Amino acid sequence: WMLLEAEFLAITLVLVYVGAVMVLFLFVVMMLDINIARMHEGFIKFL
C-alpha cells in the first residue's frame, strides 16, 4: 500500500491490525488451552 501511495491505509493497517487486533488474537490463542491434535482430527474429512 505504501508503493500505491496509500500511506494512511498502510499506517492504519499496521497500527490497528498489527498493533491491536493481532496482539489480542495472540493473547487469546496463548491463554486458551487449545488441543491441536483434536483440532486437526476432521481435516481429512472436510478436505
All heavy atoms as atom14 arrays in JSON, in Angstrom:
{
  "sequence": "WMLLEAEFLAITLVLVYVGAVMVLFLFVVMMLDINIARMHEGFIKFL",
  "atom14_mask": [
    [1, 1, 1, 1, 1, 1, 1, 1, 1, 1, 1, 1, 1, 1],
    [1, 1, 1, 1, 1, 1, 1, 1, 0, 0, 0, 0, 0, 0],
    [1, 1, 1, 1, 1, 1, 1, 1, 0, 0, 0, 0, 0, 0],
    [1, 1, 1, 1, 1, 1, 1, 1, 0, 0, 0, 0, 0, 0],
    [1, 1, 1, 1, 1, 1, 1, 1, 1, 0, 0, 0, 0, 0],
    [1, 1, 1, 1, 1, 0, 0, 0, 0, 0, 0, 0, 0, 0],
    [1, 1, 1, 1, 1, 1, 1, 1, 1, 0, 0, 0, 0, 0],
    [1, 1, 1, 1, 1, 1, 1, 1, 1, 1, 1, 0, 0, 0],
    [1, 1, 1, 1, 1, 1, 1, 1, 0, 0, 0, 0, 0, 0],
    [1, 1, 1, 1, 1, 0, 0, 0, 0, 0, 0, 0, 0, 0],
    [1, 1, 1, 1, 1, 1, 1, 1, 0, 0, 0, 0, 0, 0],
    [1, 1, 1, 1, 1, 1, 1, 0, 0, 0, 0, 0, 0, 0],
    [1, 1, 1, 1, 1, 1, 1, 1, 0, 0, 0, 0, 0, 0],
    [1, 1, 1, 1, 1, 1, 1, 0, 0, 0, 0, 0, 0, 0],
    [1, 1, 1, 1, 1, 1, 1, 1, 0, 0, 0, 0, 0, 0],
    [1, 1, 1, 1, 1, 1, 1, 0, 0, 0, 0, 0, 0, 0],
    [1, 1, 1, 1, 1, 1, 1, 1, 1, 1, 1, 1, 0, 0],
    [1, 1, 1, 1, 1, 1, 1, 0, 0, 0, 0, 0, 0, 0],
    [1, 1, 1, 1, 0, 0, 0, 0, 0, 0, 0, 0, 0, 0],
    [1, 1, 1, 1, 1, 0, 0, 0, 0, 0, 0, 0, 0, 0],
    [1, 1, 1, 1, 1, 1, 1, 0, 0, 0, 0, 0, 0, 0],
    [1, 1, 1, 1, 1, 1, 1, 1, 0, 0, 0, 0, 0, 0],
    [1, 1, 1, 1, 1, 1, 1, 0, 0, 0, 0, 0, 0, 0],
    [1, 1, 1, 1, 1, 1, 1, 1, 0, 0, 0, 0, 0, 0],
    [1, 1, 1, 1, 1, 1, 1, 1, 1, 1, 1, 0, 0, 0],
    [1, 1, 1, 1, 1, 1, 1, 1, 0, 0, 0, 0, 0, 0],
    [1, 1, 1, 1, 1, 1, 1, 1, 1, 1, 1, 0, 0, 0],
    [1, 1, 1, 1, 1, 1, 1, 0, 0, 0, 0, 0, 0, 0],
    [1, 1, 1, 1, 1, 1, 1, 0, 0, 0, 0, 0, 0, 0],
    [1, 1, 1, 1, 1, 1, 1, 1, 0, 0, 0, 0, 0, 0],
    [1, 1, 1, 1, 1, 1, 1, 1, 0, 0, 0, 0, 0, 0],
    [1, 1, 1, 1, 1, 1, 1, 1, 0, 0, 0, 0, 0, 0],
    [1, 1, 1, 1, 1, 1, 1, 1, 0, 0, 0, 0, 0, 0],
    [1, 1, 1, 1, 1, 1, 1, 1, 0, 0, 0, 0, 0, 0],
    [1, 1, 1, 1, 1, 1, 1, 1, 0, 0, 0, 0, 0, 0],
    [1, 1, 1, 1, 1, 1, 1, 1, 0, 0, 0, 0, 0, 0],
    [1, 1, 1, 1, 1, 0, 0, 0, 0, 0, 0, 0, 0, 0],
    [1, 1, 1, 1, 1, 1, 1, 1, 1, 1, 1, 0, 0, 0],
    [1, 1, 1, 1, 1, 1, 1, 1, 0, 0, 0, 0, 0, 0],
    [1, 1, 1, 1, 1, 1, 1, 1, 1, 1, 0, 0, 0, 0],
    [1, 1, 1, 1, 1, 1, 1, 1, 1, 0, 0, 0, 0, 0],
    [1, 1, 1, 1, 0, 0, 0, 0, 0, 0, 0, 0, 0, 0],
    [1, 1, 1, 1, 1, 1, 1, 1, 1, 1, 1, 0, 0, 0],
    [1, 1, 1, 1, 1, 1, 1, 1, 0, 0, 0, 0, 0, 0],
    [1, 1, 1, 1, 1, 1, 1, 1, 1, 0, 0, 0, 0, 0],
    [1, 1, 1, 1, 1, 1, 1, 1, 1, 1, 1, 0, 0, 0],
    [1, 1, 1, 1, 1, 1, 1, 1, 0, 0, 0, 0, 0, 0]
  ],
  "atom14_positions": [
    [[0.83, -1.22, 0.0], [0.0, 0.0, 0.0], [0.86, 1.26, 0.0], [0.46, 2.27, -0.57], [-0.92, -0.02, 1.21], [-2.1, -0.91, 1.0], [-2.41, -1.61, -0.12], [-3.13, -1.2, 1.94], [-3.56, -2.33, 0.06], [-4.02, -2.1, 1.31], [-3.38, -0.81, 3.24], [-5.15, -2.58, 1.95], [-4.51, -1.3, 3.87], [-5.38, -2.17, 3.23]],
    [[2.03, 1.19, 0.62], [2.94, 2.33, 0.55], [3.41, 2.57, -0.88], [3.56, 3.71, -1.32], [4.15, 2.1, 1.46], [3.84, 2.17, 2.94], [3.55, 3.83, 3.53], [5.2, 4.46, 3.54], [0.0, 0.0, 0.0], [0.0, 0.0, 0.0], [0.0, 0.0, 0.0], [0.0, 0.0, 0.0], [0.0, 0.0, 0.0], [0.0, 0.0, 0.0]],
    [[3.62, 1.48, -1.63], [4.0, 1.64, -3.03], [2.88, 2.26, -3.86], [3.14, 2.94, -4.84], [4.39, 0.27, -3.63], [5.71, -0.34, -3.16], [5.88, -1.73, -3.74], [6.87, 0.55, -3.56], [0.0, 0.0, 0.0], [0.0, 0.0, 0.0], [0.0, 0.0, 0.0], [0.0, 0.0, 0.0], [0.0, 0.0, 0.0], [0.0, 0.0, 0.0]],
    [[1.64, 2.01, -3.45], [0.49, 2.59, -4.15], [0.16, 4.0, -3.66], [-0.89, 4.54, -4.0], [-0.74, 1.69, -3.96], [-0.65, 0.3, -4.58], [-1.85, -0.54, -4.19], [-0.54, 0.4, -6.09], [0.0, 0.0, 0.0], [0.0, 0.0, 0.0], [0.0, 0.0, 0.0], [0.0, 0.0, 0.0], [0.0, 0.0, 0.0], [0.0, 0.0, 0.0]],
    [[1.04, 4.57, -2.83], [0.88, 5.92, -2.29], [-0.35, 6.05, -1.4], [-0.99, 7.09, -1.35], [0.85, 6.97, -3.41], [2.13, 7.04, -4.21], [2.08, 8.09, -5.3], [1.03, 8.77, -5.4], [3.08, 8.24, -6.02], [0.0, 0.0, 0.0], [0.0, 0.0, 0.0], [0.0, 0.0, 0.0], [0.0, 0.0, 0.0], [0.0, 0.0, 0.0]],
    [[-0.7, 4.95, -0.72], [-1.8, 4.97, 0.25], [-1.19, 4.86, 1.64], [-1.33, 3.85, 2.33], [-2.78, 3.82, -0.03], [0.0, 0.0, 0.0], [0.0, 0.0, 0.0], [0.0, 0.0, 0.0], [0.0, 0.0, 0.0], [0.0, 0.0, 0.0], [0.0, 0.0, 0.0], [0.0, 0.0, 0.0], [0.0, 0.0, 0.0], [0.0, 0.0, 0.0]],
    [[-0.5, 5.93, 2.04], [0.24, 5.89, 3.3], [-0.68, 5.76, 4.5], [-0.36, 5.06, 5.47], [1.1, 7.15, 3.45], [2.21, 7.27, 2.42], [1.75, 7.99, 1.17], [0.57, 8.41, 1.14], [2.54, 8.14, 0.24], [0.0, 0.0, 0.0], [0.0, 0.0, 0.0], [0.0, 0.0, 0.0], [0.0, 0.0, 0.0], [0.0, 0.0, 0.0]],
    [[-1.83, 6.43, 4.44], [-2.76, 6.39, 5.58], [-3.28, 4.98, 5.81], [-3.33, 4.5, 6.96], [-3.91, 7.36, 5.34], [-4.95, 7.33, 6.43], [-4.7, 7.94, 7.65], [-6.16, 6.7, 6.24], [-5.65, 7.91, 8.65], [-7.11, 6.66, 7.23], [-6.85, 7.27, 8.45], [0.0, 0.0, 0.0], [0.0, 0.0, 0.0], [0.0, 0.0, 0.0]],
    [[-3.65, 4.29, 4.73], [-4.15, 2.92, 4.87], [-3.05, 1.99, 5.36], [-3.31, 1.08, 6.16], [-4.71, 2.43, 3.53], [-5.95, 3.15, 3.02], [-6.35, 2.61, 1.67], [-7.1, 3.02, 4.01], [0.0, 0.0, 0.0], [0.0, 0.0, 0.0], [0.0, 0.0, 0.0], [0.0, 0.0, 0.0], [0.0, 0.0, 0.0], [0.0, 0.0, 0.0]],
    [[-1.82, 2.2, 4.9], [-0.72, 1.35, 5.35], [-0.45, 1.54, 6.84], [-0.3, 0.56, 7.58], [0.54, 1.68, 4.53], [0.0, 0.0, 0.0], [0.0, 0.0, 0.0], [0.0, 0.0, 0.0], [0.0, 0.0, 0.0], [0.0, 0.0, 0.0], [0.0, 0.0, 0.0], [0.0, 0.0, 0.0], [0.0, 0.0, 0.0], [0.0, 0.0, 0.0]],
    [[-0.42, 2.79, 7.29], [-0.18, 3.04, 8.72], [-1.35, 2.53, 9.55], [-1.16, 1.97, 10.64], [0.06, 4.55, 8.93], [1.37, 4.97, 8.27], [0.1, 4.89, 10.41], [1.6, 6.46, 8.25], [0.0, 0.0, 0.0], [0.0, 0.0, 0.0], [0.0, 0.0, 0.0], [0.0, 0.0, 0.0], [0.0, 0.0, 0.0], [0.0, 0.0, 0.0]],
    [[-2.58, 2.7, 9.05], [-3.74, 2.19, 9.77], [-3.71, 0.68, 9.89], [-4.06, 0.11, 10.94], [-5.03, 2.63, 9.07], [-5.03, 4.05, 8.94], [-6.26, 2.19, 9.84], [0.0, 0.0, 0.0], [0.0, 0.0, 0.0], [0.0, 0.0, 0.0], [0.0, 0.0, 0.0], [0.0, 0.0, 0.0], [0.0, 0.0, 0.0], [0.0, 0.0, 0.0]],
    [[-3.28, 0.0, 8.82], [-3.18, -1.46, 8.86], [-2.19, -1.9, 9.92], [-2.46, -2.84, 10.69], [-2.76, -1.98, 7.48], [-2.57, -3.49, 7.36], [-3.91, -4.2, 7.53], [-1.96, -3.85, 6.03], [0.0, 0.0, 0.0], [0.0, 0.0, 0.0], [0.0, 0.0, 0.0], [0.0, 0.0, 0.0], [0.0, 0.0, 0.0], [0.0, 0.0, 0.0]],
    [[-1.05, -1.22, 10.01], [-0.04, -1.61, 10.99], [-0.51, -1.29, 12.4], [-0.39, -2.12, 13.32], [1.3, -0.91, 10.67], [2.3, -1.16, 11.79], [1.85, -1.42, 9.35], [0.0, 0.0, 0.0], [0.0, 0.0, 0.0], [0.0, 0.0, 0.0], [0.0, 0.0, 0.0], [0.0, 0.0, 0.0], [0.0, 0.0, 0.0], [0.0, 0.0, 0.0]],
    [[-1.07, -0.09, 12.6], [-1.45, 0.32, 13.95], [-2.65, -0.46, 14.47], [-2.66, -0.92, 15.62], [-1.75, 1.82, 13.97], [-0.56, 2.75, 13.78], [-1.01, 4.2, 13.81], [0.48, 2.51, 14.86], [0.0, 0.0, 0.0], [0.0, 0.0, 0.0], [0.0, 0.0, 0.0], [0.0, 0.0, 0.0], [0.0, 0.0, 0.0], [0.0, 0.0, 0.0]],
    [[-3.68, -0.59, 13.64], [-4.93, -1.21, 14.11], [-4.83, -2.72, 14.13], [-5.06, -3.37, 15.16], [-6.11, -0.75, 13.24], [-7.39, -1.46, 13.64], [-6.3, 0.75, 13.35], [0.0, 0.0, 0.0], [0.0, 0.0, 0.0], [0.0, 0.0, 0.0], [0.0, 0.0, 0.0], [0.0, 0.0, 0.0], [0.0, 0.0, 0.0], [0.0, 0.0, 0.0]],
    [[-4.46, -3.32, 12.99], [-4.48, -4.78, 12.91], [-3.27, -5.4, 13.61], [-3.43, -6.33, 14.41], [-4.55, -5.22, 11.46], [-5.93, -5.1, 10.88], [-6.33, -3.96, 10.22], [-6.85, -6.13, 11.02], [-7.61, -3.83, 9.7], [-8.12, -6.03, 10.5], [-8.5, -4.87, 9.84], [-9.76, -4.75, 9.35], [0.0, 0.0, 0.0], [0.0, 0.0, 0.0]],
    [[-2.08, -4.91, 13.3], [-0.89, -5.5, 13.91], [-0.77, -5.05, 15.37], [-0.48, -5.86, 16.26], [0.37, -5.12, 13.12], [1.61, -5.65, 13.78], [0.27, -5.65, 11.69], [0.0, 0.0, 0.0], [0.0, 0.0, 0.0], [0.0, 0.0, 0.0], [0.0, 0.0, 0.0], [0.0, 0.0, 0.0], [0.0, 0.0, 0.0], [0.0, 0.0, 0.0]],
    [[-1.02, -3.77, 15.63], [-0.81, -3.26, 16.97], [-1.9, -3.61, 17.96], [-1.65, -3.68, 19.15], [0.0, 0.0, 0.0], [0.0, 0.0, 0.0], [0.0, 0.0, 0.0], [0.0, 0.0, 0.0], [0.0, 0.0, 0.0], [0.0, 0.0, 0.0], [0.0, 0.0, 0.0], [0.0, 0.0, 0.0], [0.0, 0.0, 0.0], [0.0, 0.0, 0.0]],
    [[-3.12, -3.83, 17.5], [-4.22, -4.07, 18.44], [-4.88, -5.42, 18.22], [-4.91, -6.27, 19.12], [-5.26, -2.95, 18.29], [0.0, 0.0, 0.0], [0.0, 0.0, 0.0], [0.0, 0.0, 0.0], [0.0, 0.0, 0.0], [0.0, 0.0, 0.0], [0.0, 0.0, 0.0], [0.0, 0.0, 0.0], [0.0, 0.0, 0.0], [0.0, 0.0, 0.0]],
    [[-5.4, -5.65, 17.03], [-6.2, -6.87, 16.79], [-5.34, -8.12, 16.89], [-5.71, -9.1, 17.55], [-6.9, -6.77, 15.43], [-7.66, -8.05, 15.12], [-7.83, -5.57, 15.38], [0.0, 0.0, 0.0], [0.0, 0.0, 0.0], [0.0, 0.0, 0.0], [0.0, 0.0, 0.0], [0.0, 0.0, 0.0], [0.0, 0.0, 0.0], [0.0, 0.0, 0.0]],
    [[-4.17, -8.1, 16.23], [-3.35, -9.3, 16.25], [-2.74, -9.56, 17.62], [-2.53, -10.72, 18.0], [-2.24, -9.19, 15.19], [-2.74, -9.42, 13.78], [-3.78, -10.88, 13.62], [-2.74, -12.16, 14.26], [0.0, 0.0, 0.0], [0.0, 0.0, 0.0], [0.0, 0.0, 0.0], [0.0, 0.0, 0.0], [0.0, 0.0, 0.0], [0.0, 0.0, 0.0]],
    [[-2.44, -8.51, 18.36], [-1.96, -8.71, 19.73], [-3.06, -9.37, 20.57], [-2.8, -10.28, 21.37], [-1.5, -7.38, 20.35], [-1.22, -7.53, 21.83], [-0.28, -6.86, 19.62], [0.0, 0.0, 0.0], [0.0, 0.0, 0.0], [0.0, 0.0, 0.0], [0.0, 0.0, 0.0], [0.0, 0.0, 0.0], [0.0, 0.0, 0.0], [0.0, 0.0, 0.0]],
    [[-4.3, -8.93, 20.37], [-5.43, -9.55, 21.07], [-5.57, -11.01, 20.66], [-5.76, -11.9, 21.52], [-6.71, -8.78, 20.75], [-8.0, -9.34, 21.35], [-7.95, -9.29, 22.86], [-9.2, -8.57, 20.82], [0.0, 0.0, 0.0], [0.0, 0.0, 0.0], [0.0, 0.0, 0.0], [0.0, 0.0, 0.0], [0.0, 0.0, 0.0], [0.0, 0.0, 0.0]],
    [[-5.5, -11.31, 19.36], [-5.57, -12.69, 18.9], [-4.46, -13.53, 19.53], [-4.69, -14.67, 19.95], [-5.47, -12.75, 17.38], [-6.71, -12.33, 16.66], [-6.72, -12.21, 15.28], [-7.88, -12.05, 17.35], [-7.86, -11.82, 14.6], [-9.03, -11.65, 16.69], [-9.02, -11.54, 15.32], [0.0, 0.0, 0.0], [0.0, 0.0, 0.0], [0.0, 0.0, 0.0]],
    [[-3.26, -12.97, 19.57], [-2.13, -13.71, 20.1], [-2.31, -14.01, 21.58], [-2.03, -15.12, 22.04], [-0.85, -12.9, 19.87], [0.47, -13.65, 19.9], [0.47, -14.78, 18.89], [1.62, -12.71, 19.63], [0.0, 0.0, 0.0], [0.0, 0.0, 0.0], [0.0, 0.0, 0.0], [0.0, 0.0, 0.0], [0.0, 0.0, 0.0], [0.0, 0.0, 0.0]],
    [[-2.81, -13.04, 22.34], [-3.07, -13.28, 23.77], [-4.15, -14.34, 23.96], [-4.04, -15.2, 24.83], [-3.46, -11.98, 24.46], [-2.29, -11.16, 24.9], [-2.15, -9.85, 24.49], [-1.32, -11.69, 25.72], [-1.07, -9.09, 24.88], [-0.23, -10.96, 26.14], [-0.1, -9.64, 25.71], [0.0, 0.0, 0.0], [0.0, 0.0, 0.0], [0.0, 0.0, 0.0]],
    [[-5.2, -14.27, 23.15], [-6.29, -15.24, 23.29], [-5.8, -16.64, 22.96], [-6.09, -17.61, 23.67], [-7.47, -14.84, 22.38], [-8.49, -15.96, 22.31], [-8.12, -13.57, 22.9], [0.0, 0.0, 0.0], [0.0, 0.0, 0.0], [0.0, 0.0, 0.0], [0.0, 0.0, 0.0], [0.0, 0.0, 0.0], [0.0, 0.0, 0.0], [0.0, 0.0, 0.0]],
    [[-5.02, -16.76, 21.88], [-4.51, -18.07, 21.48], [-3.57, -18.63, 22.55], [-3.59, -19.82, 22.87], [-3.81, -17.97, 20.11], [-3.0, -19.22, 19.82], [-4.83, -17.76, 19.01], [0.0, 0.0, 0.0], [0.0, 0.0, 0.0], [0.0, 0.0, 0.0], [0.0, 0.0, 0.0], [0.0, 0.0, 0.0], [0.0, 0.0, 0.0], [0.0, 0.0, 0.0]],
    [[-2.73, -17.77, 23.13], [-1.77, -18.25, 24.12], [-2.43, -18.56, 25.46], [-1.96, -19.41, 26.21], [-0.66, -17.21, 24.31], [0.22, -17.04, 23.09], [1.45, -15.76, 23.28], [2.52, -16.49, 24.49], [0.0, 0.0, 0.0], [0.0, 0.0, 0.0], [0.0, 0.0, 0.0], [0.0, 0.0, 0.0], [0.0, 0.0, 0.0], [0.0, 0.0, 0.0]],
    [[-3.54, -17.86, 25.78], [-4.2, -18.1, 27.06], [-5.13, -19.31, 27.01], [-5.34, -19.97, 28.03], [-5.0, -16.86, 27.48], [-4.12, -15.7, 27.9], [-5.07, -14.21, 28.27], [-6.03, -14.75, 29.66], [0.0, 0.0, 0.0], [0.0, 0.0, 0.0], [0.0, 0.0, 0.0], [0.0, 0.0, 0.0], [0.0, 0.0, 0.0], [0.0, 0.0, 0.0]],
    [[-5.71, -19.59, 25.84], [-6.61, -20.73, 25.74], [-5.81, -22.03, 25.66], [-4.74, -22.08, 25.06], [-7.5, -20.6, 24.5], [-8.51, -19.46, 24.51], [-9.26, -19.42, 23.2], [-9.49, -19.61, 25.66], [0.0, 0.0, 0.0], [0.0, 0.0, 0.0], [0.0, 0.0, 0.0], [0.0, 0.0, 0.0], [0.0, 0.0, 0.0], [0.0, 0.0, 0.0]],
    [[-6.36, -23.05, 26.25], [-5.74, -24.37, 26.19], [-6.3, -25.1, 24.98], [-7.28, -25.83, 25.05], [-6.03, -25.14, 27.48], [-5.24, -26.43, 27.55], [-4.3, -26.58, 26.75], [-5.57, -27.28, 28.4], [0.0, 0.0, 0.0], [0.0, 0.0, 0.0], [0.0, 0.0, 0.0], [0.0, 0.0, 0.0], [0.0, 0.0, 0.0], [0.0, 0.0, 0.0]],
    [[-5.65, -24.88, 23.84], [-6.16, -25.43, 22.58], [-5.56, -26.81, 22.36], [-4.33, -26.99, 22.37], [-5.82, -24.51, 21.4], [-6.48, -23.14, 21.6], [-6.27, -25.11, 20.08], [-6.11, -22.13, 20.55], [0.0, 0.0, 0.0], [0.0, 0.0, 0.0], [0.0, 0.0, 0.0], [0.0, 0.0, 0.0], [0.0, 0.0, 0.0], [0.0, 0.0, 0.0]],
    [[-6.42, -27.78, 22.13], [-5.98, -29.14, 21.82], [-5.74, -29.22, 20.31], [-6.67, -29.35, 19.52], [-7.04, -30.15, 22.26], [-6.53, -31.57, 22.19], [-5.43, -31.82, 21.67], [-7.31, -32.5, 22.71], [0.0, 0.0, 0.0], [0.0, 0.0, 0.0], [0.0, 0.0, 0.0], [0.0, 0.0, 0.0], [0.0, 0.0, 0.0], [0.0, 0.0, 0.0]],
    [[-4.48, -29.11, 19.92], [-4.15, -29.05, 18.49], [-4.46, -30.36, 17.8], [-4.94, -30.39, 16.66], [-2.66, -28.67, 18.32], [-2.4, -27.31, 18.98], [-2.27, -28.64, 16.86], [-0.95, -26.92, 18.99], [0.0, 0.0, 0.0], [0.0, 0.0, 0.0], [0.0, 0.0, 0.0], [0.0, 0.0, 0.0], [0.0, 0.0, 0.0], [0.0, 0.0, 0.0]],
    [[-4.21, -31.48, 18.46], [-4.48, -32.78, 17.84], [-5.97, -32.95, 17.56], [-6.37, -33.43, 16.5], [-3.97, -33.9, 18.74], [0.0, 0.0, 0.0], [0.0, 0.0, 0.0], [0.0, 0.0, 0.0], [0.0, 0.0, 0.0], [0.0, 0.0, 0.0], [0.0, 0.0, 0.0], [0.0, 0.0, 0.0], [0.0, 0.0, 0.0], [0.0, 0.0, 0.0]],
    [[-6.81, -32.53, 18.5], [-8.25, -32.65, 18.29], [-8.73, -31.67, 17.21], [-9.67, -31.95, 16.49], [-8.97, -32.37, 19.61], [-10.46, -32.58, 19.53], [-11.11, -32.36, 20.88], [-12.54, -32.54, 20.82], [-13.37, -32.34, 21.84], [-12.87, -31.98, 23.01], [-14.66, -32.53, 21.7], [0.0, 0.0, 0.0], [0.0, 0.0, 0.0], [0.0, 0.0, 0.0]],
    [[-8.05, -30.52, 17.11], [-8.44, -29.53, 16.12], [-8.2, -30.03, 14.7], [-8.91, -29.68, 13.77], [-7.67, -28.23, 16.38], [-8.14, -27.06, 15.55], [-7.33, -25.53, 16.06], [-5.62, -25.92, 15.74], [0.0, 0.0, 0.0], [0.0, 0.0, 0.0], [0.0, 0.0, 0.0], [0.0, 0.0, 0.0], [0.0, 0.0, 0.0], [0.0, 0.0, 0.0]],
    [[-7.18, -30.88, 14.52], [-6.83, -31.38, 13.19], [-7.46, -32.74, 12.89], [-7.14, -33.33, 11.86], [-5.31, -31.49, 13.06], [-4.63, -30.16, 12.99], [-4.62, -29.39, 11.85], [-3.94, -29.46, 13.91], [-3.93, -28.28, 12.08], [-3.52, -28.29, 13.33], [0.0, 0.0, 0.0], [0.0, 0.0, 0.0], [0.0, 0.0, 0.0], [0.0, 0.0, 0.0]],
    [[-8.35, -33.22, 13.78], [-8.95, -34.53, 13.54], [-9.82, -34.56, 12.3], [-9.79, -35.51, 11.53], [-9.76, -34.95, 14.77], [-8.92, -35.45, 15.92], [-9.77, -35.85, 17.11], [-11.0, -35.66, 17.04], [-9.21, -36.33, 18.11], [0.0, 0.0, 0.0], [0.0, 0.0, 0.0], [0.0, 0.0, 0.0], [0.0, 0.0, 0.0], [0.0, 0.0, 0.0]],
    [[-10.63, -33.53, 12.08], [-11.55, -33.53, 10.95], [-10.99, -32.92, 9.69], [-11.75, -32.56, 8.8], [0.0, 0.0, 0.0], [0.0, 0.0, 0.0], [0.0, 0.0, 0.0], [0.0, 0.0, 0.0], [0.0, 0.0, 0.0], [0.0, 0.0, 0.0], [0.0, 0.0, 0.0], [0.0, 0.0, 0.0], [0.0, 0.0, 0.0], [0.0, 0.0, 0.0]],
    [[-9.65, -32.8, 9.61], [-9.05, -32.15, 8.43], [-9.28, -32.98, 7.17], [-9.7, -32.45, 6.14], [-7.55, -31.95, 8.68], [-6.84, -31.29, 7.54], [-6.97, -29.93, 7.32], [-6.06, -32.03, 6.67], [-6.32, -29.31, 6.27], [-5.41, -31.43, 5.62], [-5.54, -30.08, 5.41], [0.0, 0.0, 0.0], [0.0, 0.0, 0.0], [0.0, 0.0, 0.0]],
    [[-9.03, -34.27, 7.24], [-9.19, -35.13, 6.07], [-10.67, -35.27, 5.7], [-11.03, -35.33, 4.52], [-8.56, -36.51, 6.33], [-7.07, -36.35, 6.65], [-8.75, -37.43, 5.14], [-6.26, -35.76, 5.51], [0.0, 0.0, 0.0], [0.0, 0.0, 0.0], [0.0, 0.0, 0.0], [0.0, 0.0, 0.0], [0.0, 0.0, 0.0], [0.0, 0.0, 0.0]],
    [[-11.52, -35.29, 6.71], [-12.95, -35.48, 6.45], [-13.54, -34.31, 5.67], [-14.38, -34.5, 4.79], [-13.7, -35.67, 7.78], [-15.17, -36.0, 7.6], [-15.8, -36.42, 8.91], [-15.99, -35.22, 9.8], [-16.79, -35.55, 11.01], [0.0, 0.0, 0.0], [0.0, 0.0, 0.0], [0.0, 0.0, 0.0], [0.0, 0.0, 0.0], [0.0, 0.0, 0.0]],
    [[-13.12, -33.1, 5.98], [-13.65, -31.91, 5.32], [-12.76, -31.4, 4.19], [-12.99, -30.31, 3.67], [-13.85, -30.78, 6.34], [-14.88, -31.1, 7.38], [-14.5, -31.39, 8.68], [-16.23, -31.12, 7.06], [-15.45, -31.68, 9.65], [-17.18, -31.42, 8.03], [-16.79, -31.7, 9.32], [0.0, 0.0, 0.0], [0.0, 0.0, 0.0], [0.0, 0.0, 0.0]],
    [[-11.73, -32.18, 3.82], [-10.83, -31.75, 2.75], [-11.54, -31.59, 1.41], [-11.29, -30.61, 0.7], [-9.66, -32.73, 2.64], [-8.56, -32.34, 1.65], [-7.94, -31.01, 2.03], [-7.5, -33.43, 1.58], [0.0, 0.0, 0.0], [0.0, 0.0, 0.0], [0.0, 0.0, 0.0], [0.0, 0.0, 0.0], [0.0, 0.0, 0.0], [0.0, 0.0, 0.0]]
  ]
}
